[in-house]
N, C-alpha and C. Protein backbone atom coordinates (compact mmCIF):
# COMPACT_ATOMS: atom_id res chain seq x y z
N MET A 1 -7.30 -14.91 -77.80
CA MET A 1 -8.47 -15.31 -77.04
C MET A 1 -8.42 -14.76 -75.61
N HIS A 2 -7.20 -14.66 -75.05
CA HIS A 2 -7.08 -14.14 -73.68
C HIS A 2 -7.61 -12.71 -73.58
N TYR A 3 -7.39 -11.93 -74.61
CA TYR A 3 -7.86 -10.55 -74.59
C TYR A 3 -9.39 -10.48 -74.58
N LEU A 4 -10.03 -11.38 -75.28
CA LEU A 4 -11.48 -11.43 -75.30
C LEU A 4 -12.02 -11.77 -73.92
N TRP A 5 -11.44 -12.80 -73.28
CA TRP A 5 -11.86 -13.18 -71.92
C TRP A 5 -11.64 -12.01 -70.94
N ALA A 6 -10.48 -11.38 -71.03
CA ALA A 6 -10.17 -10.26 -70.13
C ALA A 6 -11.13 -9.10 -70.35
N THR A 7 -11.44 -8.81 -71.60
CA THR A 7 -12.39 -7.73 -71.91
C THR A 7 -13.76 -8.05 -71.34
N MET A 8 -14.20 -9.28 -71.52
CA MET A 8 -15.50 -9.68 -70.98
C MET A 8 -15.50 -9.56 -69.44
N GLY A 9 -14.39 -9.93 -68.82
CA GLY A 9 -14.27 -9.80 -67.36
C GLY A 9 -14.35 -8.36 -66.91
N LEU A 10 -13.66 -7.48 -67.62
CA LEU A 10 -13.68 -6.06 -67.27
C LEU A 10 -15.08 -5.46 -67.45
N ILE A 11 -15.78 -5.88 -68.50
CA ILE A 11 -17.15 -5.41 -68.71
C ILE A 11 -18.04 -5.88 -67.55
N CYS A 12 -17.85 -7.12 -67.14
CA CYS A 12 -18.65 -7.64 -66.01
C CYS A 12 -18.35 -6.90 -64.72
N VAL A 13 -17.09 -6.58 -64.47
CA VAL A 13 -16.74 -5.80 -63.27
C VAL A 13 -17.40 -4.43 -63.34
N ALA A 14 -17.37 -3.80 -64.50
CA ALA A 14 -18.01 -2.48 -64.66
C ALA A 14 -19.51 -2.57 -64.38
N LEU A 15 -20.15 -3.59 -64.92
CA LEU A 15 -21.59 -3.77 -64.67
C LEU A 15 -21.87 -4.04 -63.19
N ALA A 16 -21.00 -4.81 -62.54
CA ALA A 16 -21.16 -5.08 -61.11
C ALA A 16 -21.03 -3.79 -60.31
N MET A 17 -20.08 -2.94 -60.66
CA MET A 17 -19.91 -1.68 -59.94
C MET A 17 -21.12 -0.77 -60.14
N ILE A 18 -21.68 -0.78 -61.33
CA ILE A 18 -22.91 -0.01 -61.56
C ILE A 18 -24.03 -0.60 -60.71
N GLY A 19 -24.05 -1.93 -60.61
CA GLY A 19 -25.07 -2.60 -59.81
C GLY A 19 -24.99 -2.29 -58.32
N VAL A 20 -23.82 -1.88 -57.85
CA VAL A 20 -23.69 -1.50 -56.44
C VAL A 20 -24.55 -0.28 -56.13
N VAL A 21 -24.62 0.66 -57.07
CA VAL A 21 -25.37 1.89 -56.83
C VAL A 21 -26.76 1.89 -57.47
N LEU A 22 -26.97 1.01 -58.43
CA LEU A 22 -28.26 0.93 -59.10
C LEU A 22 -28.96 -0.35 -58.64
N PRO A 23 -29.96 -0.23 -57.78
CA PRO A 23 -30.53 -1.41 -57.15
C PRO A 23 -31.19 -2.41 -58.10
N LEU A 24 -31.51 -2.02 -59.31
CA LEU A 24 -32.18 -2.93 -60.22
C LEU A 24 -31.21 -3.80 -61.02
N LEU A 25 -29.91 -3.51 -60.92
CA LEU A 25 -28.90 -4.28 -61.64
C LEU A 25 -28.16 -5.17 -60.63
N PRO A 26 -28.15 -6.48 -60.87
CA PRO A 26 -27.49 -7.37 -59.89
C PRO A 26 -25.97 -7.19 -59.91
N THR A 27 -25.36 -7.41 -58.77
CA THR A 27 -23.92 -7.26 -58.65
C THR A 27 -23.21 -8.60 -58.69
N VAL A 28 -23.62 -9.51 -57.84
CA VAL A 28 -22.90 -10.77 -57.65
C VAL A 28 -22.82 -11.62 -58.93
N PRO A 29 -23.90 -11.77 -59.70
CA PRO A 29 -23.74 -12.59 -60.92
C PRO A 29 -22.67 -12.04 -61.87
N PHE A 30 -22.57 -10.72 -61.97
CA PHE A 30 -21.54 -10.14 -62.82
C PHE A 30 -20.14 -10.38 -62.25
N LEU A 31 -20.02 -10.37 -60.93
CA LEU A 31 -18.72 -10.66 -60.31
C LEU A 31 -18.32 -12.11 -60.54
N LEU A 32 -19.28 -13.01 -60.44
CA LEU A 32 -18.99 -14.42 -60.68
C LEU A 32 -18.56 -14.64 -62.14
N LEU A 33 -19.24 -13.97 -63.05
CA LEU A 33 -18.83 -14.06 -64.46
C LEU A 33 -17.43 -13.47 -64.66
N ALA A 34 -17.16 -12.35 -64.01
CA ALA A 34 -15.83 -11.73 -64.13
C ALA A 34 -14.76 -12.69 -63.63
N ALA A 35 -15.01 -13.35 -62.50
CA ALA A 35 -14.05 -14.32 -61.97
C ALA A 35 -13.83 -15.45 -62.97
N PHE A 36 -14.90 -15.92 -63.59
CA PHE A 36 -14.81 -16.95 -64.62
C PHE A 36 -13.93 -16.49 -65.78
N PHE A 37 -14.20 -15.30 -66.29
CA PHE A 37 -13.45 -14.78 -67.43
C PHE A 37 -11.98 -14.52 -67.07
N PHE A 38 -11.75 -13.94 -65.89
CA PHE A 38 -10.37 -13.64 -65.48
C PHE A 38 -9.57 -14.92 -65.25
N ALA A 39 -10.23 -15.97 -64.75
CA ALA A 39 -9.53 -17.23 -64.52
C ALA A 39 -8.99 -17.80 -65.83
N ARG A 40 -9.61 -17.44 -66.93
CA ARG A 40 -9.20 -17.94 -68.23
C ARG A 40 -8.29 -16.97 -68.99
N SER A 41 -8.08 -15.78 -68.42
CA SER A 41 -7.32 -14.79 -69.19
C SER A 41 -6.15 -14.16 -68.45
N SER A 42 -6.32 -13.89 -67.15
CA SER A 42 -5.31 -13.11 -66.46
C SER A 42 -5.22 -13.50 -64.99
N THR A 43 -4.11 -14.10 -64.63
CA THR A 43 -3.89 -14.45 -63.22
C THR A 43 -3.91 -13.20 -62.35
N ARG A 44 -3.35 -12.13 -62.85
CA ARG A 44 -3.27 -10.87 -62.08
C ARG A 44 -4.68 -10.33 -61.80
N LEU A 45 -5.52 -10.26 -62.83
CA LEU A 45 -6.89 -9.75 -62.63
C LEU A 45 -7.72 -10.69 -61.77
N HIS A 46 -7.53 -12.00 -61.97
CA HIS A 46 -8.27 -12.98 -61.16
C HIS A 46 -7.90 -12.85 -59.68
N THR A 47 -6.61 -12.74 -59.41
CA THR A 47 -6.14 -12.57 -58.03
C THR A 47 -6.66 -11.26 -57.44
N TRP A 48 -6.61 -10.19 -58.24
CA TRP A 48 -7.12 -8.89 -57.77
C TRP A 48 -8.60 -9.01 -57.36
N LEU A 49 -9.39 -9.67 -58.19
CA LEU A 49 -10.82 -9.78 -57.89
C LEU A 49 -11.06 -10.64 -56.66
N LEU A 50 -10.36 -11.76 -56.54
CA LEU A 50 -10.56 -12.65 -55.39
C LEU A 50 -10.06 -12.05 -54.08
N THR A 51 -9.10 -11.13 -54.15
CA THR A 51 -8.57 -10.52 -52.93
C THR A 51 -9.17 -9.13 -52.68
N HIS A 52 -10.07 -8.70 -53.53
CA HIS A 52 -10.73 -7.40 -53.33
C HIS A 52 -11.49 -7.45 -52.01
N ARG A 53 -11.35 -6.44 -51.17
CA ARG A 53 -11.94 -6.51 -49.83
C ARG A 53 -13.46 -6.50 -49.83
N THR A 54 -14.09 -5.93 -50.83
CA THR A 54 -15.55 -5.93 -50.89
C THR A 54 -16.08 -7.09 -51.71
N PHE A 55 -15.56 -7.27 -52.90
CA PHE A 55 -16.09 -8.28 -53.81
C PHE A 55 -15.52 -9.68 -53.59
N GLY A 56 -14.29 -9.76 -53.17
CA GLY A 56 -13.60 -11.04 -53.03
C GLY A 56 -14.33 -12.06 -52.16
N PRO A 57 -14.74 -11.69 -50.95
CA PRO A 57 -15.40 -12.68 -50.09
C PRO A 57 -16.68 -13.27 -50.69
N LEU A 58 -17.43 -12.47 -51.44
CA LEU A 58 -18.65 -12.98 -52.07
C LEU A 58 -18.32 -14.07 -53.08
N ILE A 59 -17.27 -13.84 -53.85
CA ILE A 59 -16.87 -14.80 -54.88
C ILE A 59 -16.29 -16.06 -54.25
N VAL A 60 -15.43 -15.88 -53.26
CA VAL A 60 -14.82 -17.03 -52.60
C VAL A 60 -15.89 -17.89 -51.91
N ASP A 61 -16.86 -17.25 -51.25
CA ASP A 61 -17.96 -18.01 -50.62
C ASP A 61 -18.69 -18.86 -51.65
N TRP A 62 -18.99 -18.25 -52.80
CA TRP A 62 -19.72 -18.98 -53.84
C TRP A 62 -18.88 -20.12 -54.40
N GLN A 63 -17.61 -19.84 -54.68
CA GLN A 63 -16.76 -20.86 -55.28
C GLN A 63 -16.47 -22.02 -54.33
N SER A 64 -16.37 -21.72 -53.05
CA SER A 64 -16.02 -22.78 -52.10
C SER A 64 -17.22 -23.61 -51.66
N SER A 65 -18.40 -22.98 -51.52
CA SER A 65 -19.53 -23.75 -50.98
C SER A 65 -20.89 -23.38 -51.56
N GLY A 66 -20.91 -22.55 -52.59
CA GLY A 66 -22.19 -22.14 -53.17
C GLY A 66 -22.99 -21.26 -52.24
N ALA A 67 -22.28 -20.58 -51.33
CA ALA A 67 -22.93 -19.77 -50.30
C ALA A 67 -23.16 -18.34 -50.77
N ILE A 68 -24.24 -17.77 -50.26
CA ILE A 68 -24.55 -16.35 -50.48
C ILE A 68 -24.73 -15.73 -49.11
N ARG A 69 -24.02 -14.66 -48.84
CA ARG A 69 -24.08 -14.00 -47.53
C ARG A 69 -25.47 -13.44 -47.27
N PRO A 70 -25.90 -13.44 -46.00
CA PRO A 70 -27.24 -12.93 -45.66
C PRO A 70 -27.49 -11.50 -46.14
N ALA A 71 -26.49 -10.64 -46.06
CA ALA A 71 -26.68 -9.25 -46.52
C ALA A 71 -26.96 -9.22 -48.02
N ALA A 72 -26.29 -10.08 -48.79
CA ALA A 72 -26.54 -10.14 -50.23
C ALA A 72 -27.93 -10.69 -50.52
N LYS A 73 -28.36 -11.66 -49.71
CA LYS A 73 -29.71 -12.20 -49.88
C LYS A 73 -30.76 -11.12 -49.62
N LYS A 74 -30.54 -10.35 -48.58
CA LYS A 74 -31.48 -9.27 -48.25
C LYS A 74 -31.50 -8.20 -49.34
N ALA A 75 -30.32 -7.85 -49.84
CA ALA A 75 -30.24 -6.84 -50.91
C ALA A 75 -30.95 -7.34 -52.16
N ALA A 76 -30.77 -8.60 -52.49
CA ALA A 76 -31.45 -9.18 -53.65
C ALA A 76 -32.95 -9.17 -53.47
N THR A 77 -33.40 -9.48 -52.27
CA THR A 77 -34.84 -9.48 -51.99
C THR A 77 -35.42 -8.08 -52.13
N LEU A 78 -34.73 -7.09 -51.61
CA LEU A 78 -35.19 -5.71 -51.74
C LEU A 78 -35.23 -5.28 -53.21
N SER A 79 -34.23 -5.68 -53.97
CA SER A 79 -34.20 -5.32 -55.39
C SER A 79 -35.35 -5.97 -56.14
N VAL A 80 -35.60 -7.23 -55.86
CA VAL A 80 -36.70 -7.93 -56.52
C VAL A 80 -38.03 -7.28 -56.15
N ALA A 81 -38.20 -6.97 -54.89
CA ALA A 81 -39.43 -6.30 -54.45
C ALA A 81 -39.59 -4.94 -55.12
N ALA A 82 -38.49 -4.21 -55.26
CA ALA A 82 -38.53 -2.90 -55.91
C ALA A 82 -38.92 -3.02 -57.38
N VAL A 83 -38.35 -3.99 -58.06
CA VAL A 83 -38.68 -4.21 -59.47
C VAL A 83 -40.15 -4.56 -59.63
N PHE A 84 -40.62 -5.48 -58.82
CA PHE A 84 -42.02 -5.89 -58.94
C PHE A 84 -42.96 -4.74 -58.55
N GLY A 85 -42.62 -4.05 -57.49
CA GLY A 85 -43.43 -2.91 -57.06
C GLY A 85 -43.49 -1.83 -58.11
N LEU A 86 -42.37 -1.54 -58.74
CA LEU A 86 -42.33 -0.55 -59.81
C LEU A 86 -43.20 -0.99 -60.98
N SER A 87 -43.18 -2.27 -61.29
CA SER A 87 -44.01 -2.79 -62.38
C SER A 87 -45.49 -2.61 -62.08
N VAL A 88 -45.86 -2.84 -60.83
CA VAL A 88 -47.25 -2.65 -60.43
C VAL A 88 -47.62 -1.17 -60.51
N LEU A 89 -46.74 -0.30 -60.04
CA LEU A 89 -47.00 1.14 -60.05
C LEU A 89 -47.18 1.70 -61.45
N VAL A 90 -46.42 1.18 -62.41
CA VAL A 90 -46.54 1.71 -63.77
C VAL A 90 -47.57 0.95 -64.60
N SER A 91 -48.35 0.13 -63.94
CA SER A 91 -49.46 -0.61 -64.56
C SER A 91 -49.03 -1.51 -65.71
N VAL A 92 -48.04 -2.31 -65.43
CA VAL A 92 -47.61 -3.31 -66.41
C VAL A 92 -48.77 -4.30 -66.60
N PRO A 93 -48.98 -4.78 -67.81
CA PRO A 93 -50.08 -5.74 -68.03
C PRO A 93 -50.00 -6.96 -67.11
N VAL A 94 -51.16 -7.49 -66.78
CA VAL A 94 -51.25 -8.59 -65.82
C VAL A 94 -50.42 -9.80 -66.26
N HIS A 95 -50.46 -10.13 -67.53
CA HIS A 95 -49.70 -11.30 -67.98
C HIS A 95 -48.19 -11.10 -67.77
N VAL A 96 -47.71 -9.87 -67.90
CA VAL A 96 -46.30 -9.59 -67.65
C VAL A 96 -46.01 -9.70 -66.15
N LEU A 97 -46.93 -9.21 -65.33
CA LEU A 97 -46.77 -9.33 -63.87
C LEU A 97 -46.71 -10.80 -63.45
N ILE A 98 -47.51 -11.63 -64.07
CA ILE A 98 -47.50 -13.06 -63.74
C ILE A 98 -46.15 -13.67 -64.11
N ILE A 99 -45.65 -13.34 -65.29
CA ILE A 99 -44.34 -13.84 -65.72
C ILE A 99 -43.25 -13.35 -64.76
N GLN A 100 -43.31 -12.08 -64.39
CA GLN A 100 -42.34 -11.52 -63.44
C GLN A 100 -42.43 -12.24 -62.10
N ALA A 101 -43.64 -12.42 -61.61
CA ALA A 101 -43.83 -13.06 -60.30
C ALA A 101 -43.25 -14.46 -60.29
N VAL A 102 -43.49 -15.23 -61.34
CA VAL A 102 -42.97 -16.59 -61.41
C VAL A 102 -41.44 -16.58 -61.50
N THR A 103 -40.92 -15.75 -62.38
CA THR A 103 -39.47 -15.69 -62.58
C THR A 103 -38.76 -15.17 -61.32
N LEU A 104 -39.24 -14.06 -60.81
CA LEU A 104 -38.60 -13.48 -59.62
C LEU A 104 -38.79 -14.39 -58.40
N GLY A 105 -39.92 -15.05 -58.33
CA GLY A 105 -40.13 -16.01 -57.24
C GLY A 105 -39.12 -17.15 -57.30
N ALA A 106 -38.87 -17.66 -58.51
CA ALA A 106 -37.89 -18.73 -58.68
C ALA A 106 -36.49 -18.25 -58.30
N VAL A 107 -36.16 -17.02 -58.67
CA VAL A 107 -34.87 -16.45 -58.30
C VAL A 107 -34.74 -16.36 -56.77
N MET A 108 -35.79 -15.91 -56.12
CA MET A 108 -35.76 -15.79 -54.66
C MET A 108 -35.64 -17.15 -53.98
N ILE A 109 -36.34 -18.14 -54.51
CA ILE A 109 -36.21 -19.49 -53.95
C ILE A 109 -34.78 -19.98 -54.08
N PHE A 110 -34.18 -19.76 -55.25
CA PHE A 110 -32.79 -20.17 -55.44
C PHE A 110 -31.87 -19.46 -54.46
N ILE A 111 -31.99 -18.15 -54.37
CA ILE A 111 -31.11 -17.37 -53.50
C ILE A 111 -31.26 -17.79 -52.04
N TRP A 112 -32.48 -17.88 -51.56
CA TRP A 112 -32.69 -18.18 -50.14
C TRP A 112 -32.44 -19.65 -49.81
N SER A 113 -32.36 -20.52 -50.83
CA SER A 113 -32.06 -21.94 -50.55
C SER A 113 -30.55 -22.21 -50.51
N ARG A 114 -29.75 -21.24 -50.90
CA ARG A 114 -28.29 -21.40 -50.82
C ARG A 114 -27.84 -21.24 -49.38
N PRO A 115 -26.75 -21.92 -49.02
CA PRO A 115 -26.21 -21.71 -47.67
C PRO A 115 -25.76 -20.26 -47.49
N SER A 116 -25.74 -19.83 -46.25
CA SER A 116 -25.25 -18.48 -45.95
C SER A 116 -23.75 -18.52 -45.71
N GLY A 117 -23.05 -17.54 -46.29
CA GLY A 117 -21.59 -17.52 -46.18
C GLY A 117 -21.13 -16.95 -44.87
């Protein structure tokens, strides 16, 4: 079972790294999942992730106080705006735009209502 958790953690880290360069893919949720999986499979990988100079502080902030850093909030907002703007540009049907607006709006409310790390 440990190998399954570790594999899932590594997949999440890979997706998070892709999310760093691809603005439409979120980074932090995948890092949080990776921390969850590594905590159940590998002390070494869990420690590596928590002490990583770029990713570690985001995870520690979330685990300690549910905080999201202002830079991450801004990046999320830009990504959400880009996704919605792209949908408008490619003429996505109105009912899909409404669903996106409600869903993305809820995500933004959640993100901006968290304390800042």
